[in-house]
């Protein structure tokens, strides 16, 4: 027997993409650029791709390029 989990959301179905979800994402990105530590995050990312996480990150990048999750 398969149980179905109902997810509740205030976003309505919009077909292939969600305009509301896209708008929220863009607003969050803009807010981060204006108030976040962009340079610090860039340095953190550079350390990650050059450090111990490099192999795992590369595998995730390749999987996502194929439309798959690396998990």
Protein backbone atom coordinates (compact mmCIF):
# COMPACT_ATOMS: atom_id res chain seq x y z
CA UNK A 1 0.00 0.00 0.00
CA UNK A 2 1.28 3.46 -0.87
CA UNK A 3 0.56 6.42 1.37
CA UNK A 4 0.17 9.80 -0.26
CA UNK A 5 1.50 12.83 1.57
CA UNK A 6 -0.38 16.00 0.82
CA UNK A 7 1.82 19.07 0.74
CA UNK A 8 0.17 22.35 1.56
CA UNK A 9 1.33 25.50 -0.19
CA UNK A 10 -0.06 28.92 -0.78
CA UNK A 11 1.35 28.81 -4.33
CA UNK A 12 -1.06 27.80 -7.06
CA UNK A 13 -0.10 25.44 -9.85
CA UNK A 14 1.23 27.41 -12.80
CA UNK A 15 2.30 24.75 -15.27
CA UNK A 16 5.99 24.30 -16.08
CA UNK A 17 7.18 27.12 -13.85
CA UNK A 18 5.96 29.15 -10.95
CA UNK A 19 5.94 32.88 -11.59
CA UNK A 20 5.33 33.51 -7.89
CA UNK A 21 8.15 31.18 -6.88
CA UNK A 22 10.45 32.78 -9.44
CA UNK A 23 9.56 36.25 -8.18
CA UNK A 24 10.30 35.25 -4.58
CA UNK A 25 13.63 33.70 -5.60
CA UNK A 26 14.66 36.82 -7.53
CA UNK A 27 13.71 39.06 -4.60
CA UNK A 28 15.72 36.91 -2.19
CA UNK A 29 18.73 36.98 -4.51
CA UNK A 30 18.53 40.76 -4.87
CA UNK A 31 18.26 41.19 -1.09
CA UNK A 32 21.34 39.00 -0.59
CA UNK A 33 23.34 40.99 -3.13
CA UNK A 34 22.36 44.24 -1.43
CA UNK A 35 22.81 43.15 2.20
CA UNK A 36 24.69 39.84 2.25
CA UNK A 37 28.36 39.01 2.42
CA UNK A 38 28.80 38.25 -1.28
CA UNK A 39 32.61 38.44 -1.19
CA UNK A 40 32.76 36.21 1.89
CA UNK A 41 30.50 33.61 0.28
CA UNK A 42 32.59 33.70 -2.92
CA UNK A 43 35.75 33.01 -0.88
CA UNK A 44 33.96 30.22 1.00
CA UNK A 45 32.95 28.61 -2.30
CA UNK A 46 36.48 28.90 -3.67
CA UNK A 47 37.88 27.16 -0.57
CA UNK A 48 35.29 24.39 -0.92
CA UNK A 49 36.09 23.60 -4.56
CA UNK A 50 39.81 23.60 -3.80
CA UNK A 51 39.59 21.64 -0.55
CA UNK A 52 38.40 18.32 0.81
CA UNK A 53 34.92 18.79 -0.66
CA UNK A 54 36.22 19.16 -4.23
CA UNK A 55 35.48 15.61 -5.42
CA UNK A 56 31.99 15.53 -3.89
CA UNK A 57 31.15 18.95 -5.34
CA UNK A 58 32.34 17.91 -8.80
CA UNK A 59 30.19 14.76 -8.68
CA UNK A 60 27.18 16.87 -7.69
CA UNK A 61 27.90 19.34 -10.50
CA UNK A 62 28.07 16.56 -13.09
CA UNK A 63 24.88 14.93 -11.80
CA UNK A 64 22.96 18.20 -11.83
CA UNK A 65 24.17 18.92 -15.38
CA UNK A 66 22.43 15.68 -16.36
CA UNK A 67 19.31 16.63 -14.41
CA UNK A 68 19.95 14.24 -11.54
CA UNK A 69 20.47 14.64 -7.83
CA UNK A 70 23.81 13.50 -6.50
CA UNK A 71 22.18 12.24 -3.27
